[in-house]
C-alpha cells in the first residue's frame, strides 16, 4: 500500500513515528485502526525526544512568542509532553 502526503505531513508523520518507538508500518497501521500508540521506553525513543526538544528549544529561541501560526510546533510540544509524562510514570 502506498499513499502521498505533503512534505509537511511527511515530516509530522516521521516525527510521530520516531517518538513512538514503533516502525513506520506499525505506527500507521495502529493509527488507521484507531488503536492506541503505546510508547516503549527504548534508547531510540529517548534520542528522538532529546533531538526534538533541541529543535523546539532552537525554534522557541528564534520566536518572540508562540502564536497560532505555529500549530505544528505546538502539536509537537504536546506530543512530547504526553510521551515524557507516560515514560515518567514507568520509572
PDB file of N, CA and C in Angstrom:
ATOM      1  N   UNK A   1       0.847  -1.150   0.000  1.00  0.00           N
ATOM      2  CA  UNK A   1       0.000   0.000   0.000  1.00  0.00           C
ATOM      3  C   UNK A   1       0.906   1.230   0.000  1.00  0.00           C
ATOM      4  N   UNK A   2       0.529   2.210  -0.756  1.00  0.00           N
ATOM      5  CA  UNK A   2       1.300   3.455  -0.796  1.00  0.00           C
ATOM      6  C   UNK A   2       0.335   4.629  -0.868  1.00  0.00           C
ATOM      7  N   UNK A   3       0.772   5.763  -0.354  1.00  0.00           N
ATOM      8  CA  UNK A   3      -0.021   6.974  -0.440  1.00  0.00           C
ATOM      9  C   UNK A   3       0.925   8.163  -0.399  1.00  0.00           C
ATOM     10  N   UNK A   4       0.439   9.290  -0.865  1.00  0.00           N
ATOM     11  CA  UNK A   4       1.241  10.509  -0.913  1.00  0.00           C
ATOM     12  C   UNK A   4       0.745  11.492   0.131  1.00  0.00           C
ATOM     13  N   UNK A   5       1.690  12.186   0.742  1.00  0.00           N
ATOM     14  CA  UNK A   5       1.382  13.257   1.686  1.00  0.00           C
ATOM     15  C   UNK A   5       2.270  14.448   1.334  1.00  0.00           C
ATOM     16  N   UNK A   6       1.894  15.598   1.823  1.00  0.00           N
ATOM     17  CA  UNK A   6       2.727  16.780   1.592  1.00  0.00           C
ATOM     18  C   UNK A   6       4.032  16.631   2.366  1.00  0.00           C
ATOM     19  N   UNK A   7       4.983  17.490   2.060  1.00  0.00           N
ATOM     20  CA  UNK A   7       6.262  17.450   2.765  1.00  0.00           C
ATOM     21  C   UNK A   7       6.073  17.706   4.255  1.00  0.00           C
ATOM     22  N   UNK A   8       5.207  18.660   4.596  1.00  0.00           N
ATOM     23  CA  UNK A   8       4.944  18.971   5.995  1.00  0.00           C
ATOM     24  C   UNK A   8       4.290  17.790   6.708  1.00  0.00           C
ATOM     25  N   UNK A   9       3.314  17.160   6.039  1.00  0.00           N
ATOM     26  CA  UNK A   9       2.645  15.996   6.627  1.00  0.00           C
ATOM     27  C   UNK A   9       3.641  14.854   6.823  1.00  0.00           C
ATOM     28  N   UNK A  10       4.515  14.673   5.853  1.00  0.00           N
ATOM     29  CA  UNK A  10       5.528  13.625   5.951  1.00  0.00           C
ATOM     30  C   UNK A  10       6.455  13.838   7.135  1.00  0.00           C
ATOM     31  N   UNK A  11       6.873  15.102   7.341  1.00  0.00           N
ATOM     32  CA  UNK A  11       7.738  15.419   8.478  1.00  0.00           C
ATOM     33  C   UNK A  11       7.021  15.157   9.797  1.00  0.00           C
ATOM     34  N   UNK A  12       5.745  15.523   9.870  1.00  0.00           N
ATOM     35  CA  UNK A  12       4.974  15.301  11.086  1.00  0.00           C
ATOM     36  C   UNK A  12       4.806  13.806  11.361  1.00  0.00           C
ATOM     37  N   UNK A  13       4.519  13.040  10.334  1.00  0.00           N
ATOM     38  CA  UNK A  13       4.391  11.583  10.494  1.00  0.00           C
ATOM     39  C   UNK A  13       5.713  10.996  10.952  1.00  0.00           C
ATOM     40  N   UNK A  14       6.820  11.404  10.323  1.00  0.00           N
ATOM     41  CA  UNK A  14       8.133  10.896  10.714  1.00  0.00           C
ATOM     42  C   UNK A  14       8.452  11.241  12.167  1.00  0.00           C
ATOM     43  N   UNK A  15       8.094  12.442  12.589  1.00  0.00           N
ATOM     44  CA  UNK A  15       8.309  12.863  13.972  1.00  0.00           C
ATOM     45  C   UNK A  15       7.517  11.967  14.922  1.00  0.00           C
ATOM     46  N   UNK A  16       6.256  11.765  14.626  1.00  0.00           N
ATOM     47  CA  UNK A  16       5.399  10.923  15.477  1.00  0.00           C
ATOM     48  C   UNK A  16       5.926   9.493  15.540  1.00  0.00           C
ATOM     49  N   UNK A  17       6.387   8.981  14.408  1.00  0.00           N
ATOM     50  CA  UNK A  17       6.935   7.622  14.366  1.00  0.00           C
ATOM     51  C   UNK A  17       8.175   7.532  15.243  1.00  0.00           C
ATOM     52  N   UNK A  18       9.098   8.486  15.104  1.00  0.00           N
ATOM     53  CA  UNK A  18      10.338   8.415  15.882  1.00  0.00           C
ATOM     54  C   UNK A  18      10.070   8.539  17.372  1.00  0.00           C
ATOM     55  N   UNK A  19       9.072   9.327  17.752  1.00  0.00           N
ATOM     56  CA  UNK A  19       8.746   9.487  19.167  1.00  0.00           C
ATOM     57  C   UNK A  19       7.977   8.296  19.725  1.00  0.00           C
ATOM     58  N   UNK A  20       7.401   7.477  18.852  1.00  0.00           N
ATOM     59  CA  UNK A  20       6.624   6.325  19.320  1.00  0.00           C
ATOM     60  C   UNK A  20       7.491   5.113  19.616  1.00  0.00           C
ATOM     61  N   UNK A  21       8.636   5.015  18.937  1.00  0.00           N
ATOM     62  CA  UNK A  21       9.472   3.827  19.093  1.00  0.00           C
ATOM     63  C   UNK A  21       9.026   2.669  18.227  1.00  0.00           C
ATOM     64  N   UNK A  22       7.968   2.882  17.450  1.00  0.00           N
ATOM     65  CA  UNK A  22       7.457   1.848  16.554  1.00  0.00           C
ATOM     66  C   UNK A  22       8.062   2.013  15.161  1.00  0.00           C
ATOM     67  N   UNK A  23       7.910   0.983  14.337  1.00  0.00           N
ATOM     68  CA  UNK A  23       8.252   1.152  12.933  1.00  0.00           C
ATOM     69  C   UNK A  23       7.181   2.013  12.290  1.00  0.00           C
ATOM     70  N   UNK A  24       7.504   2.607  11.159  1.00  0.00           N
ATOM     71  CA  UNK A  24       6.510   3.437  10.479  1.00  0.00           C
ATOM     72  C   UNK A  24       5.285   2.603  10.117  1.00  0.00           C
ATOM     73  N   UNK A  25       5.506   1.382   9.671  1.00  0.00           N
ATOM     74  CA  UNK A  25       4.388   0.497   9.309  1.00  0.00           C
ATOM     75  C   UNK A  25       3.495   0.251  10.521  1.00  0.00           C
ATOM     76  N   UNK A  26       4.090  -0.101  11.658  1.00  0.00           N
ATOM     77  CA  UNK A  26       3.291  -0.367  12.863  1.00  0.00           C
ATOM     78  C   UNK A  26       2.559   0.884  13.329  1.00  0.00           C
ATOM     79  N   UNK A  27       3.238   2.038  13.285  1.00  0.00           N
ATOM     80  CA  UNK A  27       2.610   3.284  13.716  1.00  0.00           C
ATOM     81  C   UNK A  27       1.401   3.615  12.841  1.00  0.00           C
ATOM     82  N   UNK A  28       1.589   3.600  11.527  1.00  0.00           N
ATOM     83  CA  UNK A  28       0.496   3.946  10.603  1.00  0.00           C
ATOM     84  C   UNK A  28      -0.643   2.948  10.732  1.00  0.00           C
ATOM     85  N   UNK A  29      -0.323   1.673  10.854  1.00  0.00           N
ATOM     86  CA  UNK A  29      -1.360   0.646  10.993  1.00  0.00           C
ATOM     87  C   UNK A  29      -2.188   0.872  12.255  1.00  0.00           C
ATOM     88  N   UNK A  30      -1.531   1.144  13.365  1.00  0.00           N
ATOM     89  CA  UNK A  30      -2.262   1.390  14.622  1.00  0.00           C
ATOM     90  C   UNK A  30      -3.147   2.626  14.517  1.00  0.00           C
ATOM     91  N   UNK A  31      -2.621   3.689  13.924  1.00  0.00           N
ATOM     92  CA  UNK A  31      -3.399   4.918  13.795  1.00  0.00           C
ATOM     93  C   UNK A  31      -4.599   4.706  12.873  1.00  0.00           C
ATOM     94  N   UNK A  32      -4.409   3.976  11.791  1.00  0.00           N
ATOM     95  CA  UNK A  32      -5.516   3.732  10.861  1.00  0.00           C
ATOM     96  C   UNK A  32      -6.600   2.868  11.495  1.00  0.00           C
ATOM     97  N   UNK A  33      -6.205   2.015  12.421  1.00  0.00           N
ATOM     98  CA  UNK A  33      -7.167   1.159  13.100  1.00  0.00           C
ATOM     99  C   UNK A  33      -7.696   1.806  14.382  1.00  0.00           C
ATOM    100  N   UNK A  34      -7.367   3.082  14.588  1.00  0.00           N
ATOM    101  CA  UNK A  34      -7.794   3.830  15.777  1.00  0.00           C
ATOM    102  C   UNK A  34      -7.388   3.121  17.068  1.00  0.00           C
ATOM    103  N   UNK A  35      -6.226   2.480  17.026  1.00  0.00           N
ATOM    104  CA  UNK A  35      -5.691   1.830  18.219  1.00  0.00           C
ATOM    105  C   UNK A  35      -4.686   2.764  18.872  1.00  0.00           C
ATOM    106  N   UNK A  36      -4.541   2.644  20.181  1.00  0.00           N
ATOM    107  CA  UNK A  36      -3.580   3.461  20.905  1.00  0.00           C
ATOM    108  C   UNK A  36      -2.163   3.138  20.469  1.00  0.00           C
ATOM    109  N   UNK A  37      -1.343   4.169  20.459  1.00  0.00           N
ATOM    110  CA  UNK A  37       0.085   4.003  20.226  1.00  0.00           C
ATOM    111  C   UNK A  37       0.749   4.083  21.587  1.00  0.00           C
ATOM    112  N   UNK A  38       1.248   2.955  22.063  1.00  0.00           N
ATOM    113  CA  UNK A  38       1.889   2.888  23.368  1.00  0.00           C
ATOM    114  C   UNK A  38       3.390   2.995  23.153  1.00  0.00           C
ATOM    115  N   UNK A  39       3.976   4.029  23.701  1.00  0.00           N
ATOM    116  CA  UNK A  39       5.403   4.287  23.522  1.00  0.00           C
ATOM    117  C   UNK A  39       6.210   3.363  24.419  1.00  0.00           C
ATOM    118  N   UNK A  40       7.205   2.735  23.827  1.00  0.00           N
ATOM    119  CA  UNK A  40       8.115   1.872  24.563  1.00  0.00           C
ATOM    120  C   UNK A  40       9.379   2.667  24.858  1.00  0.00           C
ATOM    121  N   UNK A  41       9.797   2.712  26.110  1.00  0.00           N
ATOM    122  CA  UNK A  41      10.981   3.466  26.506  1.00  0.00           C
ATOM    123  C   UNK A  41      12.254   2.779  26.060  1.00  0.00           C
ATOM    124  N   UNK A  42      12.678   3.068  24.848  1.00  0.00           N
ATOM    125  CA  UNK A  42      13.890   2.489  24.273  1.00  0.00           C
ATOM    126  C   UNK A  42      14.907   3.611  24.080  1.00  0.00           C
ATOM    127  N   UNK A  43      16.185   3.272  23.990  1.00  0.00           N
ATOM    128  CA  UNK A  43      17.195   4.310  23.731  1.00  0.00           C
ATOM    129  C   UNK A  43      16.880   5.147  22.487  1.00  0.00           C
ATOM    130  N   UNK A  44      16.339   4.517  21.462  1.00  0.00           N
ATOM    131  CA  UNK A  44      15.985   5.225  20.233  1.00  0.00           C
ATOM    132  C   UNK A  44      14.912   6.282  20.495  1.00  0.00           C
ATOM    133  N   UNK A  45      13.956   5.973  21.373  1.00  0.00           N
ATOM    134  CA  UNK A  45      12.894   6.926  21.704  1.00  0.00           C
ATOM    135  C   UNK A  45      13.472   8.088  22.504  1.00  0.00           C
ATOM    136  N   UNK A  46      14.330   7.796  23.478  1.00  0.00           N
ATOM    137  CA  UNK A  46      14.950   8.863  24.260  1.00  0.00           C
ATOM    138  C   UNK A  46      15.765   9.793  23.362  1.00  0.00           C
ATOM    139  N   UNK A  47      16.487   9.217  22.408  1.00  0.00           N
ATOM    140  CA  UNK A  47      17.282  10.024  21.475  1.00  0.00           C
ATOM    141  C   UNK A  47      16.369  10.904  20.628  1.00  0.00           C
ATOM    142  N   UNK A  48      15.258  10.348  20.155  1.00  0.00           N
ATOM    143  CA  UNK A  48      14.312  11.128  19.353  1.00  0.00           C
ATOM    144  C   UNK A  48      13.706  12.259  20.181  1.00  0.00           C
ATOM    145  N   UNK A  49      13.383  11.971  21.446  1.00  0.00           N
ATOM    146  CA  UNK A  49      12.852  13.004  22.338  1.00  0.00           C
ATOM    147  C   UNK A  49      13.873  14.110  22.558  1.00  0.00           C
ATOM    148  N   UNK A  50      15.098  13.714  22.808  1.00  0.00           N
ATOM    149  CA  UNK A  50      16.161  14.700  23.029  1.00  0.00           C
ATOM    150  C   UNK A  50      16.362  15.576  21.795  1.00  0.00           C
ATOM    151  N   UNK A  51      16.379  14.959  20.625  1.00  0.00           N
ATOM    152  CA  UNK A  51      16.575  15.720  19.385  1.00  0.00           C
ATOM    153  C   UNK A  51      15.412  16.658  19.115  1.00  0.00           C
ATOM    154  N   UNK A  52      14.191  16.190  19.358  1.00  0.00           N
ATOM    155  CA  UNK A  52      13.023  17.038  19.153  1.00  0.00           C
ATOM    156  C   UNK A  52      13.025  18.210  20.124  1.00  0.00           C
ATOM    157  N   UNK A  53      13.386  17.952  21.374  1.00  0.00           N
ATOM    158  CA  UNK A  53      13.438  19.031  22.351  1.00  0.00           C
ATOM    159  C   UNK A  53      14.496  20.062  21.973  1.00  0.00           C
ATOM    160  N   UNK A  54      15.628  19.619  21.431  1.00  0.00           N
ATOM    161  CA  UNK A  54      16.671  20.549  20.999  1.00  0.00           C
ATOM    162  C   UNK A  54      16.170  21.416  19.846  1.00  0.00           C
ATOM    163  N   UNK A  55      15.462  20.800  18.896  1.00  0.00           N
ATOM    164  CA  UNK A  55      14.894  21.561  17.774  1.00  0.00           C
ATOM    165  C   UNK A  55      13.858  22.567  18.265  1.00  0.00           C
ATOM    166  N   UNK A  56      13.019  22.145  19.177  1.00  0.00           N
ATOM    167  CA  UNK A  56      11.986  23.037  19.717  1.00  0.00           C
ATOM    168  C   UNK A  56      12.636  24.186  20.483  1.00  0.00           C
ATOM    169  N   UNK A  57      13.650  23.875  21.249  1.00  0.00           N
ATOM    170  CA  UNK A  57      14.350  24.917  22.001  1.00  0.00           C
ATOM    171  C   UNK A  57      14.923  25.974  21.052  1.00  0.00           C
ATOM    172  N   UNK A  58      15.544  25.539  19.977  1.00  0.00           N
ATOM    173  CA  UNK A  58      16.104  26.481  18.998  1.00  0.00           C
ATOM    174  C   UNK A  58      14.997  27.317  18.357  1.00  0.00           C
ATOM    175  N   UNK A  59      13.891  26.677  18.032  1.00  0.00           N
ATOM    176  CA  UNK A  59      12.776  27.406  17.413  1.00  0.00           C
ATOM    177  C   UNK A  59      12.169  28.418  18.387  1.00  0.00           C
ATOM    178  N   UNK A  60      12.013  28.035  19.634  1.00  0.00           N
ATOM    179  CA  UNK A  60      11.457  28.948  20.627  1.00  0.00           C
ATOM    180  C   UNK A  60      12.387  30.139  20.881  1.00  0.00           C
ATOM    181  N   UNK A  61      13.685  29.881  20.839  1.00  0.00           N
ATOM    182  CA  UNK A  61      14.629  30.985  20.987  1.00  0.00           C
ATOM    183  C   UNK A  61      14.474  31.964  19.829  1.00  0.00           C
ATOM    184  N   UNK A  62      14.162  31.436  18.639  1.00  0.00           N
ATOM    185  CA  UNK A  62      14.025  32.269  17.456  1.00  0.00           C
ATOM    186  C   UNK A  62      12.728  33.081  17.475  1.00  0.00           C
ATOM    187  N   UNK A  63      11.713  32.518  18.039  1.00  0.00           N
ATOM    188  CA  UNK A  63      10.420  33.194  18.072  1.00  0.00           C
ATOM    189  C   UNK A  63      10.319  34.153  19.240  1.00  0.00           C
ATOM    190  N   UNK A  64       9.710  35.277  19.032  1.00  0.00           N
ATOM    191  CA  UNK A  64       9.475  36.190  20.160  1.00  0.00           C
ATOM    192  C   UNK A  64       8.356  35.650  21.034  1.00  0.00           C
ATOM    193  N   UNK A  65       7.346  35.104  20.414  1.00  0.00           N
ATOM    194  CA  UNK A  65       6.278  34.483  21.174  1.00  0.00           C
ATOM    195  C   UNK A  65       5.631  33.407  20.312  1.00  0.00           C
ATOM    196  N   UNK A  66       5.049  32.436  20.953  1.00  0.00           N
ATOM    197  CA  UNK A  66       4.403  31.330  20.256  1.00  0.00           C
ATOM    198  C   UNK A  66       2.966  31.742  19.950  1.00  0.00           C
ATOM    199  N   UNK A  67       2.601  31.731  18.684  1.00  0.00           N
ATOM    200  CA  UNK A  67       1.259  32.156  18.293  1.00  0.00           C
ATOM    201  C   UNK A  67       0.556  31.035  17.549  1.00  0.00           C
ATOM    202  N   UNK A  68      -0.652  31.308  17.125  1.00  0.00           N
ATOM    203  CA  UNK A  68      -1.451  30.334  16.374  1.00  0.00           C
ATOM    204  C   UNK A  68      -0.822  29.940  15.051  1.00  0.00           C
ATOM    205  N   UNK A  69       0.162  30.716  14.591  1.00  0.00           N
ATOM    206  CA  UNK A  69       0.838  30.394  13.334  1.00  0.00           C
ATOM    207  C   UNK A  69       1.796  29.224  13.475  1.00  0.00           C
ATOM    208  N   UNK A  70       1.963  28.737  14.686  1.00  0.00           N
ATOM    209  CA  UNK A  70       2.917  27.673  14.960  1.00  0.00           C
ATOM    210  C   UNK A  70       2.212  26.398  15.415  1.00  0.00           C
ATOM    211  N   UNK A  71       1.135  26.037  14.752  1.00  0.00           N
ATOM    212  CA  UNK A  71       0.345  24.875  15.144  1.00  0.00           C
ATOM    213  C   UNK A  71       1.161  23.592  15.169  1.00  0.00           C
ATOM    214  N   UNK A  72       2.037  23.409  14.173  1.00  0.00           N
ATOM    215  CA  UNK A  72       2.837  22.185  14.117  1.00  0.00           C
ATOM    216  C   UNK A  72       3.784  22.113  15.316  1.00  0.00           C
ATOM    217  N   UNK A  73       4.398  23.223  15.658  1.00  0.00           N
ATOM    218  CA  UNK A  73       5.289  23.268  16.809  1.00  0.00           C
ATOM    219  C   UNK A  73       4.526  22.976  18.100  1.00  0.00           C
ATOM    220  N   UNK A  74       3.364  23.581  18.249  1.00  0.00           N
ATOM    221  CA  UNK A  74       2.555  23.349  19.445  1.00  0.00           C
ATOM    222  C   UNK A  74       2.120  21.889  19.538  1.00  0.00           C
ATOM    223  N   UNK A  75       1.757  21.284  18.407  1.00  0.00           N
ATOM    224  CA  UNK A  75       1.367  19.873  18.396  1.00  0.00           C
ATOM    225  C   UNK A  75       2.543  19.000  18.828  1.00  0.00           C
ATOM    226  N   UNK A  76       3.729  19.303  18.303  1.00  0.00           N
ATOM    227  CA  UNK A  76       4.911  18.519  18.644  1.00  0.00           C
ATOM    228  C   UNK A  76       5.228  18.643  20.129  1.00  0.00           C
ATOM    229  N   UNK A  77       5.125  19.852  20.670  1.00  0.00           N
ATOM    230  CA  UNK A  77       5.362  20.056  22.102  1.00  0.00           C
ATOM    231  C   UNK A  77       4.381  19.234  22.922  1.00  0.00           C
ATOM    232  N   UNK A  78       3.122  19.248  22.537  1.00  0.00           N
ATOM    233  CA  UNK A  78       2.105  18.484  23.255  1.00  0.00           C
ATOM    234  C   UNK A  78       2.401  16.990  23.186  1.00  0.00           C
ATOM    235  N   UNK A  79       2.780  16.491  22.006  1.00  0.00           N
ATOM    236  CA  UNK A  79       3.084  15.074  21.831  1.00  0.00           C
ATOM    237  C   UNK A  79       4.276  14.666  22.695  1.00  0.00           C
ATOM    238  N   UNK A  80       5.312  15.493  22.715  1.00  0.00           N
ATOM    239  CA  UNK A  80       6.495  15.179  23.522  1.00  0.00           C
ATOM    240  C   UNK A  80       6.149  15.204  25.002  1.00  0.00           C
ATOM    241  N   UNK A  81       5.381  16.200  25.437  1.00  0.00           N
ATOM    242  CA  UNK A  81       4.997  16.289  26.845  1.00  0.00           C
ATOM    243  C   UNK A  81       4.205  15.056  27.277  1.00  0.00           C
ATOM    244  N   UNK A  82       3.265  14.618  26.445  1.00  0.00           N
ATOM    245  CA  UNK A  82       2.467  13.432  26.775  1.00  0.00           C
ATOM    246  C   UNK A  82       3.345  12.187  26.820  1.00  0.00           C
ATOM    247  N   UNK A  83       4.273  12.092  25.872  1.00  0.00           N
ATOM    248  CA  UNK A  83       5.162  10.936  25.816  1.00  0.00           C
ATOM    249  C   UNK A  83       6.068  10.895  27.034  1.00  0.00           C
ATOM    250  N   UNK A  84       6.660  12.046  27.360  1.00  0.00           N
ATOM    251  CA  UNK A  84       7.557  12.088  28.514  1.00  0.00           C
ATOM    252  C   UNK A  84       6.799  11.835  29.812  1.00  0.00           C
ATOM    253  N   UNK A  85       5.573  12.309  29.899  1.00  0.00           N
ATOM    254  CA  UNK A  85       4.751  12.059  31.080  1.00  0.00           C
ATOM    255  C   UNK A  85       4.484  10.561  31.224  1.00  0.00           C
ATOM    256  N   UNK A  86       4.199   9.896  30.116  1.00  0.00           N
ATOM    257  CA  UNK A  86       3.967   8.450  30.150  1.00  0.00           C
ATOM    258  C   UNK A  86       5.207   7.683  30.545  1.00  0.00           C
ATOM    259  N   UNK A  87       6.366   8.126  30.059  1.00  0.00           N
ATOM    260  CA  UNK A  87       7.628   7.461  30.413  1.00  0.00           C
ATOM    261  C   UNK A  87       7.968   7.701  31.870  1.00  0.00           C
ATOM    262  N   UNK A  88       7.670   8.887  32.366  1.00  0.00           N
ATOM    263  CA  UNK A  88       7.955   9.230  33.755  1.00  0.00           C
ATOM    264  C   UNK A  88       7.219   8.303  34.712  1.00  0.00           C
ATOM    265  N   UNK A  89       5.979   7.964  34.351  1.00  0.00           N
ATOM    266  CA  UNK A  89       5.161   7.114  35.202  1.00  0.00           C
ATOM    267  C   UNK A  89       5.663   5.687  35.303  1.00  0.00           C
ATOM    268  N   UNK A  90       6.531   5.261  34.370  1.00  0.00           N
ATOM    269  CA  UNK A  90       7.013   3.893  34.359  1.00  0.00           C
ATOM    270  C   UNK A  90       8.296   3.720  35.146  1.00  0.00           C
ATOM    271  N   UNK A  91       8.911   4.838  35.550  1.00  0.00           N
ATOM    272  CA  UNK A  91      10.189   4.739  36.282  1.00  0.00           C
ATOM    273  C   UNK A  91       9.978   4.528  37.745  1.00  0.00           C
TER     274      UNK A  91
END
